Structure formats: structure tokens, C-alpha cells
Amino acid sequence: MSRDVAVLGAGMHPWGKWGRSFIEYGTIAARKALEDAGVDWRDVRSIVGADTVRGGYPGYVAGATFAKALGWQGARVTSVYAACASGAQAINTARTQILSGLADVVLVVGADAAPKGFFRPAGGDRQDDPDWLRFRVLGATNPAYFGLYARRRMALHGDTLEDFAQVKVKNAASGALNPYARYRKTVTAEDVAASAVVADPLRLLDICATSDGAAALVLSSMDFARRHGQADPVRIRAVSTVTPQYPQTVLDLPDIATDSAATVQPPERTFRASIAHAAYEEAGIGPEELSLAEVYDLSTALELQWYEDLGLCGEGEGAKLLREGVTSPGGRVPVNSSGGLASFGEAVPAQAIAQVCELTWQLRGSAGERQVAGARVGITANQGLFGHGSAVVAVR
């Protein structure tokens, strides 16, 4: 039995700071996805919503919220929460329902109206919560973590401020061509260097913003797609949702300690590398077959790390790959052809879904000026708090 599911429709609401309800954004994205799929809302047999969050905790039951907004019609409903990986978890839930025969057509929606500034925990004392602890005990906000990670790469691999700036320059050039991006302006390395220092060594333009936005997908069984007149749709071939493996020897968000490797050998792969490996293994492909990738660029330095974790290059070679133009538009494996979070900002439950929207448009050949020539295989990579990893492989 084929494990592929078809992507019949993709839709988004433009990202920015609009000052309206996340329900409005998500409903617009959902209707666009339904229109793109040519599917009537009443034909959808399941809705999976990626929960809107407030400082690390679910804020709203998204599945039922969107089912009501679109009009009660009796479909199954599910709500999922996995922080920044919520969208991929929602896609995986929809895929599981389709492959199990519970539903032929599933709508996946994620939307957020993000708070101003960086994310922080909700109020109250939660001393068993690693996210609360790293804020309250260490004062380690997200930008502080990004800065520490950048310093680590500089010390271990020789990455430079110029390398970090070039990631922003690359992604801004793609974002300027994306009608859904919040920031649609090209920038130079000089612009990055001139922006305010937020968490040394990272500047304001090295770090992604928080945003309002939404993304939605209509997924179906391959049989339904063929009956619906789509003989060769974009297909989701793998979804990875792996967790870390003991012992963890590298400090990572939100954990504030590492395990001892004195008596236990470290795992074969780091957590992030294991996310992509599981997706490749399920899809039966390797990184050498990728046409493009959408990765979780919370900061410019973190994008370079994903190059290595995706297997596009060896450890410590991310900056070299960037300098050679491999990940730029027109390169061998363009990364973040959408513009990435550098151009969108974080709308947490929507961002992993938005990554798959970009893969869908690229694999269809309908991405306009952003189009990656001959795109056939794409991967997304994302990471949520508390050990939620996610990667999605899409093919055409």
C-alpha cells in the first residue's frame, strides 16, 4: 500500500502584525486551500488544527475553532500542540487518518496573532517546566539562546558575522518575491551590520520577529485525488516527529543542562540530525536527492546548523556551503526559497504548515519568480520545545 498522501490545496493569509483575531487569519487560509483544491467544505471529513499558543502553552482549541468558523458540518476534529512543530504534528495526524482509512479528505489549519516582542512563558510558578526555568533561573530569552548558539558556531567552526549576515541577505531576497511574507525588502550585509545588537553577536536583522499569520493544507488519499482529476499531485511521502535520544551532550533549547557521556556513548546523531534522518529513511531518499529545503531559521546562525543537520554538508561546513552559493536561489539545493522566518516572522502553529505550502508551490512549478528549476523533492525541518522535532518530505 502506498504511504503517500496527496496535497490537493495550499493556502495562506499574509503574515504581518494585523491586529485581528487568529480565527480570521486561519479561516481565510483554509478557504484559499479549499479553493485551490477544488474541494467543497462539506466534503472535508476531518479538520486538524494546530493550537494557537501563548508563551509556550495552548491558548485555543484550534480544530473546533476553525470547524465552527467554516460552518459546522459534522466532520471529525482534532487539535494538536507541539510548540513550533505543531503544524507538522497536525500534518502527521491528518496523514495518519487518511492512511488508516478514517477520512479521505482532511483540512489542516494553523494560525496565530502573536504578542509583541519575543515569546515568554505564561505567568505562575512551574518549577518542573524547563522553558519556565531557563527564563526565570537563567534569564535566557530566545534571543539570548540564539546568541549563545552563534557564539558556539564561531568558536567551533570559525563562522563569522559576515556569514550570518549573508543568510539574511539570501532569505530577504527570496522574501521580497513572496506575496505572503511580512518583510518584502531586500537587505545588504551592511544593513545587517548596522542594525542594533540584540544578543551579541547577533543583530536585529539576524533574528526573526513574532508575527500574525496563517497557513492551511487540504490533504487526501491518492484514490480521492485521482477521482478528483489530479493524477499527479504533490505528495507527502514522510513525516518525522522523533524525540531526542539519551545522552544529550549539546545544550539545546529549552533544556539548560546536558547529560554525562562519561559512561554512556553519545548517540550516533544529534537530535536535529535525527529528525531529518528519520524522514529520509521513511521516504527512501537521501539528502543528495533534494531539490530544495525549508528550514527553521529562528536566527541566521541556526540556518547554517540546519545545513549540517540535513546532511547537505559535513559538520562545521555550513558556512562554506553558503559561501559557495549552494543554498542560494539557483544553487544546487536552495534553502528557504519562501524567504524563511527571516521574512515571515514566527506565527507558531502556522509555520511548519507554511513550509509545506512553499514546497507544494515549488513542486507544482507555480512559485513565480521564486521558482526552483526542476524541483522534484523537498524537505522541511522544524523544532518545537520539549523535544518535538519535525520534518516533512514532499515529492512530485
Protein backbone atom coordinates (compact mmCIF):
# COMPACT_ATOMS: atom_id res chain seq x y z
CA MET A 1 0.00 0.00 0.00
CA SER A 2 1.27 3.46 -0.89
CA ARG A 3 2.14 5.58 2.13
CA ASP A 4 1.82 8.79 0.10
CA VAL A 5 -0.96 11.29 0.69
CA ALA A 6 -1.87 13.97 -1.85
CA VAL A 7 -1.61 17.70 -1.25
CA LEU A 8 -4.70 18.92 -3.10
CA GLY A 9 -4.68 22.50 -1.86
CA ALA A 10 -2.47 25.07 -0.13
CA GLY A 11 -3.49 28.47 1.19
CA MET A 12 -2.09 31.24 3.34
CA HIS A 13 -3.02 34.54 4.91
CA PRO A 14 -0.29 37.19 4.51
CA TRP A 15 1.92 37.50 7.60
CA GLY A 16 2.45 40.72 9.50
CA LYS A 17 1.01 42.45 12.55
CA TRP A 18 -2.61 42.95 11.57
CA GLY A 19 -4.25 43.37 14.98
CA ARG A 20 -7.10 40.94 14.30
CA SER A 21 -8.18 37.51 15.53
CA PHE A 22 -6.22 34.40 14.62
CA ILE A 23 -9.59 32.88 13.68
CA GLU A 24 -9.96 35.37 10.84
CA TYR A 25 -6.48 34.60 9.52
CA GLY A 26 -6.97 30.84 9.70
CA THR A 27 -10.41 30.92 8.08
CA ILE A 28 -9.06 32.91 5.13
CA ALA A 29 -6.13 30.49 4.70
CA ALA A 30 -8.49 27.49 4.93
CA ARG A 31 -10.85 28.88 2.30
CA LYS A 32 -7.92 29.55 -0.02
CA ALA A 33 -6.70 25.98 0.42
CA LEU A 34 -10.18 24.60 -0.27
CA GLU A 35 -10.47 26.76 -3.38
CA ASP A 36 -7.03 25.69 -4.54
CA ALA A 37 -8.02 22.04 -4.07
CA GLY A 38 -11.38 22.47 -5.77
CA VAL A 39 -12.97 20.75 -2.78
CA ASP A 40 -16.25 21.77 -1.18
CA TRP A 41 -16.04 22.39 2.56
CA ARG A 42 -18.81 19.83 3.10
CA ASP A 43 -16.61 17.13 1.52
CA VAL A 44 -13.94 17.53 4.22
CA ARG A 45 -14.28 14.66 6.66
CA SER A 46 -11.72 15.77 9.24
CA ILE A 47 -10.22 19.04 10.47
CA VAL A 48 -6.89 19.11 12.28
CA GLY A 49 -5.99 22.39 13.94
CA ALA A 50 -2.53 23.36 15.20
CA ASP A 51 -3.21 25.08 18.51
CA THR A 52 -2.51 28.78 18.88
CA VAL A 53 -0.07 29.33 21.74
CA ARG A 54 0.61 31.92 24.36
CA GLY A 55 4.12 31.80 25.74
CA GLY A 56 4.57 28.06 25.33
CA TYR A 57 1.10 26.85 26.29
CA PRO A 58 -2.03 26.11 24.24
CA GLY A 59 -4.26 29.14 24.04
CA TYR A 60 -7.17 27.92 21.95
CA VAL A 61 -8.59 24.60 20.75
CA ALA A 62 -7.85 25.27 17.11
CA GLY A 63 -9.54 22.32 15.39
CA ALA A 64 -13.02 23.02 16.71
CA THR A 65 -12.47 26.77 16.43
CA PHE A 66 -11.96 26.53 12.66
CA ALA A 67 -14.69 23.91 12.20
CA LYS A 68 -17.14 26.35 13.75
CA ALA A 69 -15.82 29.35 11.78
CA LEU A 70 -16.17 27.48 8.49
CA GLY A 71 -19.58 26.12 9.43
CA TRP A 72 -20.44 23.03 11.46
CA GLN A 73 -20.82 20.10 9.07
CA GLY A 74 -20.17 17.07 11.28
CA ALA A 75 -16.56 16.26 10.39
CA ARG A 76 -14.11 14.74 12.84
CA VAL A 77 -11.96 17.27 14.67
CA THR A 78 -8.51 17.17 16.28
CA SER A 79 -6.36 19.80 17.96
CA VAL A 80 -2.62 19.35 18.42
CA TYR A 81 0.11 21.22 20.26
CA ALA A 82 3.85 20.83 19.85
CA ALA A 83 5.02 24.45 20.03
CA CYS A 84 6.80 25.36 16.77
CA ALA A 85 6.37 21.81 15.48
CA SER A 86 2.57 21.95 15.91
CA GLY A 87 1.95 22.33 12.19
CA ALA A 88 3.97 19.25 11.29
CA GLN A 89 2.27 17.27 14.04
CA ALA A 90 -1.07 18.38 12.57
CA ILE A 91 0.03 17.23 9.11
CA ASN A 92 1.13 13.91 10.57
CA THR A 93 -2.22 13.47 12.32
CA ALA A 94 -4.09 14.18 9.08
CA ARG A 95 -1.84 11.80 7.17
CA THR A 96 -2.41 9.04 9.73
CA GLN A 97 -6.18 9.47 9.47
CA ILE A 98 -6.02 9.23 5.68
CA LEU A 99 -3.72 6.19 5.59
CA SER A 100 -5.86 4.40 8.21
CA GLY A 101 -9.00 4.97 6.15
CA LEU A 102 -10.72 7.21 8.71
CA ALA A 103 -11.03 10.09 6.24
CA ASP A 104 -10.47 10.66 2.53
CA VAL A 105 -10.08 14.44 2.78
CA VAL A 106 -8.58 16.36 5.72
CA LEU A 107 -8.13 20.10 6.25
CA VAL A 108 -5.06 21.16 8.25
CA VAL A 109 -5.00 24.72 9.65
CA GLY A 110 -2.65 26.75 11.83
CA ALA A 111 -2.93 30.46 12.68
CA ASP A 112 -1.69 32.91 15.28
CA ALA A 113 -1.91 36.50 16.41
CA ALA A 114 1.45 36.77 18.13
CA PRO A 115 2.30 39.02 21.07
CA LYS A 116 4.64 41.96 20.65
CA GLY A 117 8.32 41.27 21.25
CA PHE A 118 9.81 37.85 21.92
CA PHE A 119 7.89 34.91 23.34
CA ARG A 120 7.97 34.30 27.09
CA PRO A 121 6.32 31.85 29.48
CA ALA A 122 2.85 32.46 30.86
CA GLY A 123 2.59 33.68 34.43
CA GLY A 124 2.81 31.49 37.50
CA ASP A 125 5.46 29.22 39.04
CA ARG A 126 6.12 25.97 37.18
CA GLN A 127 9.38 24.63 38.54
CA ASP A 128 9.14 21.38 36.60
CA ASP A 129 8.88 23.23 33.27
CA PRO A 130 12.27 23.60 31.50
CA ASP A 131 11.00 26.58 29.49
CA TRP A 132 9.96 28.42 32.66
CA LEU A 133 13.27 27.54 34.32
CA ARG A 134 15.50 28.83 31.56
CA PHE A 135 13.69 32.18 31.63
CA ARG A 136 13.40 32.55 35.40
CA VAL A 137 16.63 30.90 36.54
CA LEU A 138 18.98 31.81 33.70
CA GLY A 139 17.21 34.78 32.15
CA ALA A 140 17.76 33.00 28.84
CA THR A 141 15.27 34.56 26.46
CA ASN A 142 15.05 33.21 22.93
CA PRO A 143 17.43 35.89 21.55
CA ALA A 144 19.94 35.05 24.30
CA TYR A 145 19.84 31.42 23.26
CA PHE A 146 20.29 32.38 19.61
CA GLY A 147 23.31 34.48 20.53
CA LEU A 148 24.91 31.66 22.53
CA TYR A 149 24.38 29.26 19.65
CA ALA A 150 26.00 31.71 17.25
CA ARG A 151 29.00 32.08 19.57
CA ARG A 152 29.31 28.30 19.72
CA ARG A 153 29.47 28.06 15.94
CA MET A 154 32.04 30.85 15.78
CA ALA A 155 34.23 29.10 18.35
CA LEU A 156 33.92 25.58 16.94
CA HIS A 157 33.69 26.16 13.20
CA GLY A 158 35.04 29.64 12.52
CA ASP A 159 31.73 31.11 11.34
CA THR A 160 31.83 34.88 11.04
CA LEU A 161 29.43 37.78 11.40
CA GLU A 162 29.64 38.14 7.63
CA ASP A 163 28.45 34.55 7.21
CA PHE A 164 25.45 35.17 9.45
CA ALA A 165 24.62 38.38 7.60
CA GLN A 166 24.73 36.59 4.24
CA VAL A 167 21.98 34.20 5.39
CA LYS A 168 19.73 37.20 5.99
CA VAL A 169 20.68 38.75 2.64
CA LYS A 170 19.82 35.49 0.85
CA ASN A 171 16.49 34.98 2.59
CA ALA A 172 15.42 38.60 2.28
CA ALA A 173 15.98 38.42 -1.48
CA SER A 174 13.55 35.48 -1.68
CA GLY A 175 11.09 37.03 0.76
CA ALA A 176 10.93 40.17 -1.36
CA LEU A 177 9.36 38.00 -4.08
CA ASN A 178 6.80 36.31 -1.81
CA PRO A 179 3.38 38.00 -1.56
CA TYR A 180 2.68 36.29 1.79
CA ALA A 181 5.89 37.46 3.51
CA ARG A 182 5.80 40.16 6.17
CA TYR A 183 9.12 41.71 5.15
CA ARG A 184 9.35 42.20 1.41
CA LYS A 185 12.50 44.26 1.15
CA THR A 186 15.98 43.22 0.09
CA VAL A 187 18.79 43.97 2.53
CA THR A 188 22.58 44.15 2.30
CA ALA A 189 25.25 42.82 4.61
CA GLU A 190 25.88 46.45 5.57
CA ASP A 191 22.22 46.80 6.61
CA VAL A 192 22.59 43.77 8.89
CA ALA A 193 25.81 45.09 10.42
CA ALA A 194 24.21 48.48 11.03
CA SER A 195 21.17 47.06 12.84
CA ALA A 196 21.08 47.09 16.64
CA VAL A 197 22.83 44.38 18.64
CA VAL A 198 20.15 42.26 20.34
CA ALA A 199 22.14 39.36 21.78
CA ASP A 200 25.82 39.57 20.91
CA PRO A 201 26.94 38.65 18.29
CA LEU A 202 23.52 38.75 16.64
CA ARG A 203 21.92 41.92 15.35
CA LEU A 204 18.24 42.74 14.95
CA LEU A 205 18.27 41.57 11.32
CA ASP A 206 19.82 38.25 12.35
CA ILE A 207 16.78 37.29 14.44
CA CYS A 208 13.22 36.57 13.31
CA ALA A 209 10.27 38.59 14.57
CA THR A 210 6.93 37.45 16.00
CA SER A 211 4.04 37.71 13.54
CA ASP A 212 0.37 37.20 12.82
CA GLY A 213 -0.34 34.76 10.01
CA ALA A 214 -1.95 31.53 8.90
CA ALA A 215 -1.44 28.56 6.60
CA ALA A 216 -3.65 25.65 5.56
CA LEU A 217 -3.48 22.46 3.50
CA VAL A 218 -6.08 20.12 2.05
CA LEU A 219 -4.73 16.56 2.13
CA SER A 220 -6.37 13.49 0.64
CA SER A 221 -5.86 9.85 -0.19
CA MET A 222 -4.31 9.13 -3.58
CA ASP A 223 -7.54 7.40 -4.64
CA PHE A 224 -9.57 10.52 -3.88
CA ALA A 225 -7.04 12.68 -5.74
CA ARG A 226 -7.36 10.51 -8.86
CA ARG A 227 -11.16 10.54 -8.66
CA HIS A 228 -10.92 14.30 -8.25
CA GLY A 229 -8.98 14.60 -11.50
CA GLN A 230 -5.48 15.01 -10.04
CA ALA A 231 -3.42 12.14 -11.41
CA ASP A 232 -0.03 13.59 -10.44
CA PRO A 233 -0.41 15.76 -7.32
CA VAL A 234 2.31 16.81 -4.93
CA ARG A 235 2.60 14.01 -2.38
CA ILE A 236 3.71 13.90 1.23
CA ARG A 237 5.96 10.86 1.46
CA ALA A 238 7.31 11.09 5.00
CA VAL A 239 6.76 12.94 8.26
CA SER A 240 9.33 12.70 11.04
CA THR A 241 8.32 13.50 14.64
CA VAL A 242 11.22 11.96 16.56
CA THR A 243 12.35 12.87 20.08
CA PRO A 244 15.89 13.33 21.47
CA GLN A 245 17.94 10.33 22.50
CA TYR A 246 19.91 9.89 25.72
CA PRO A 247 22.53 11.10 26.38
CA GLN A 248 22.22 14.67 25.14
CA THR A 249 25.70 16.16 25.12
CA VAL A 250 24.94 19.53 23.48
CA LEU A 251 23.00 22.24 25.28
CA ASP A 252 19.78 22.90 23.39
CA LEU A 253 16.59 24.91 23.82
CA PRO A 254 14.84 24.74 26.24
CA ASP A 255 16.99 22.36 28.32
CA ILE A 256 19.58 24.06 30.50
CA ALA A 257 21.78 21.05 31.23
CA THR A 258 23.40 18.20 29.34
CA ASP A 259 23.75 14.52 30.20
CA SER A 260 27.08 12.97 31.14
CA ALA A 261 28.72 10.92 28.40
CA ALA A 262 31.44 9.60 30.73
CA THR A 263 29.97 6.09 30.90
CA VAL A 264 27.45 6.16 28.03
CA GLN A 265 28.48 6.78 24.45
CA PRO A 266 26.67 9.68 22.74
CA PRO A 267 24.01 8.68 20.20
CA GLU A 268 25.04 8.31 16.59
CA ARG A 269 23.26 11.54 15.68
CA THR A 270 22.34 14.75 17.44
CA PHE A 271 18.64 15.47 17.95
CA ARG A 272 18.31 17.77 14.94
CA ALA A 273 20.20 15.40 12.67
CA SER A 274 17.96 12.54 13.78
CA ILE A 275 14.87 14.50 12.70
CA ALA A 276 15.98 14.63 9.07
CA HIS A 277 17.45 11.11 9.13
CA ALA A 278 14.10 9.60 10.14
CA ALA A 279 12.35 11.47 7.32
CA TYR A 280 14.90 10.35 4.74
CA GLU A 281 14.66 6.76 5.96
CA GLU A 282 10.87 6.69 5.71
CA ALA A 283 10.85 8.39 2.31
CA GLY A 284 13.57 6.12 0.93
CA ILE A 285 15.72 9.04 -0.21
CA GLY A 286 18.93 10.76 0.78
CA PRO A 287 19.94 14.42 1.02
CA GLU A 288 21.62 14.17 -2.38
CA GLU A 289 18.15 13.83 -3.97
CA LEU A 290 16.77 17.10 -2.57
CA SER A 291 15.75 19.91 -4.88
CA LEU A 292 15.12 22.39 -2.07
CA ALA A 293 14.63 22.72 1.69
CA GLU A 294 12.62 24.94 4.03
CA VAL A 295 14.29 25.20 7.44
CA TYR A 296 13.55 26.78 10.79
CA ASP A 297 15.72 29.92 10.68
CA LEU A 298 14.93 31.47 14.06
CA SER A 299 18.30 33.11 13.62
CA THR A 300 20.83 33.29 10.82
CA ALA A 301 23.28 31.07 12.72
CA LEU A 302 20.63 28.38 13.23
CA GLU A 303 20.02 28.15 9.48
CA LEU A 304 23.68 27.26 8.99
CA GLN A 305 23.30 24.50 11.59
CA TRP A 306 20.35 23.02 9.69
CA TYR A 307 22.50 22.64 6.55
CA GLU A 308 24.65 20.21 8.51
CA ASP A 309 21.74 18.51 10.27
CA LEU A 310 20.00 17.90 6.93
CA GLY A 311 23.14 16.24 5.61
CA LEU A 312 23.74 18.86 2.93
CA CYS A 313 27.34 19.07 4.14
CA GLY A 314 29.60 17.81 6.90
CA GLU A 315 29.81 19.14 10.45
CA GLY A 316 31.16 22.66 10.55
CA GLU A 317 30.81 23.14 6.77
CA GLY A 318 27.53 25.09 6.75
CA ALA A 319 29.14 28.49 6.20
CA LYS A 320 31.30 27.07 3.41
CA LEU A 321 28.17 25.75 1.67
CA LEU A 322 26.60 29.19 1.94
CA ARG A 323 29.69 30.95 0.58
CA GLU A 324 29.73 28.62 -2.41
CA GLY A 325 26.13 29.57 -3.25
CA VAL A 326 24.81 26.02 -2.91
CA THR A 327 21.84 27.12 -0.77
CA SER A 328 21.10 30.34 -2.66
CA PRO A 329 18.49 30.79 -5.42
CA GLY A 330 19.89 28.99 -8.45
CA GLY A 331 22.16 26.85 -6.27
CA ARG A 332 22.17 23.07 -6.07
CA VAL A 333 19.80 22.98 -3.05
CA PRO A 334 18.13 26.35 -2.42
CA VAL A 335 17.19 26.76 1.24
CA ASN A 336 14.25 28.92 2.33
CA SER A 337 13.08 29.91 -1.12
CA SER A 338 10.00 31.28 0.67
CA GLY A 339 12.15 33.81 2.50
CA GLY A 340 12.06 31.76 5.71
CA LEU A 341 11.21 33.08 9.14
CA ALA A 342 13.64 35.90 8.39
CA SER A 343 10.98 37.25 6.02
CA PHE A 344 7.85 35.95 7.74
CA GLY A 345 8.48 36.00 11.49
CA GLU A 346 7.01 33.43 13.85
CA ALA A 347 3.30 32.63 13.76
CA VAL A 348 3.97 29.49 15.77
CA PRO A 349 1.21 27.00 14.86
CA ALA A 350 1.27 28.04 11.20
CA GLN A 351 4.94 27.98 10.35
CA ALA A 352 5.51 24.25 9.73
CA ILE A 353 2.35 24.23 7.58
CA ALA A 354 3.60 27.29 5.69
CA GLN A 355 6.82 25.42 4.92
CA VAL A 356 4.81 22.66 3.22
CA CYS A 357 2.78 25.27 1.32
CA GLU A 358 6.06 26.53 -0.15
CA LEU A 359 7.17 23.01 -1.08
CA THR A 360 3.78 22.45 -2.74
CA TRP A 361 4.02 25.56 -4.90
CA GLN A 362 7.64 24.83 -5.80
CA LEU A 363 6.97 21.20 -6.73
CA ARG A 364 3.98 22.28 -8.83
CA GLY A 365 6.17 24.80 -10.62
CA SER A 366 3.87 27.66 -9.60
CA ALA A 367 6.17 29.70 -7.35
CA GLY A 368 6.66 32.51 -9.85
CA GLU A 369 9.88 34.47 -9.53
CA ARG A 370 10.93 32.27 -6.60
CA GLN A 371 10.67 29.06 -8.65
CA VAL A 372 13.39 26.47 -8.16
CA ALA A 373 14.06 24.99 -11.59
CA GLY A 374 13.08 21.33 -11.95
CA ALA A 375 12.02 20.91 -8.31
CA ARG A 376 11.00 17.30 -7.60
CA VAL A 377 11.85 16.58 -3.93
CA GLY A 378 11.71 18.92 -0.94
CA ILE A 379 12.11 18.68 2.82
CA THR A 380 11.08 20.88 5.73
CA ALA A 381 12.80 20.98 9.10
CA ASN A 382 11.42 22.39 12.31
CA GLN A 383 11.82 22.05 16.04
CA GLY A 384 9.38 22.63 18.89
CA LEU A 385 10.03 22.98 22.59
CA PHE A 386 10.22 19.97 24.89
CA GLY A 387 11.73 17.58 22.33
CA HIS A 388 9.31 17.97 19.43
CA GLY A 389 11.16 17.51 16.18
CA SER A 390 9.58 17.59 12.76
CA ALA A 391 10.46 17.15 9.13
CA VAL A 392 8.21 16.62 6.11
CA VAL A 393 9.31 15.18 2.76
CA ALA A 394 7.21 16.12 -0.27
CA VAL A 395 7.69 14.80 -3.80
CA ARG A 396 6.27 15.26 -7.29
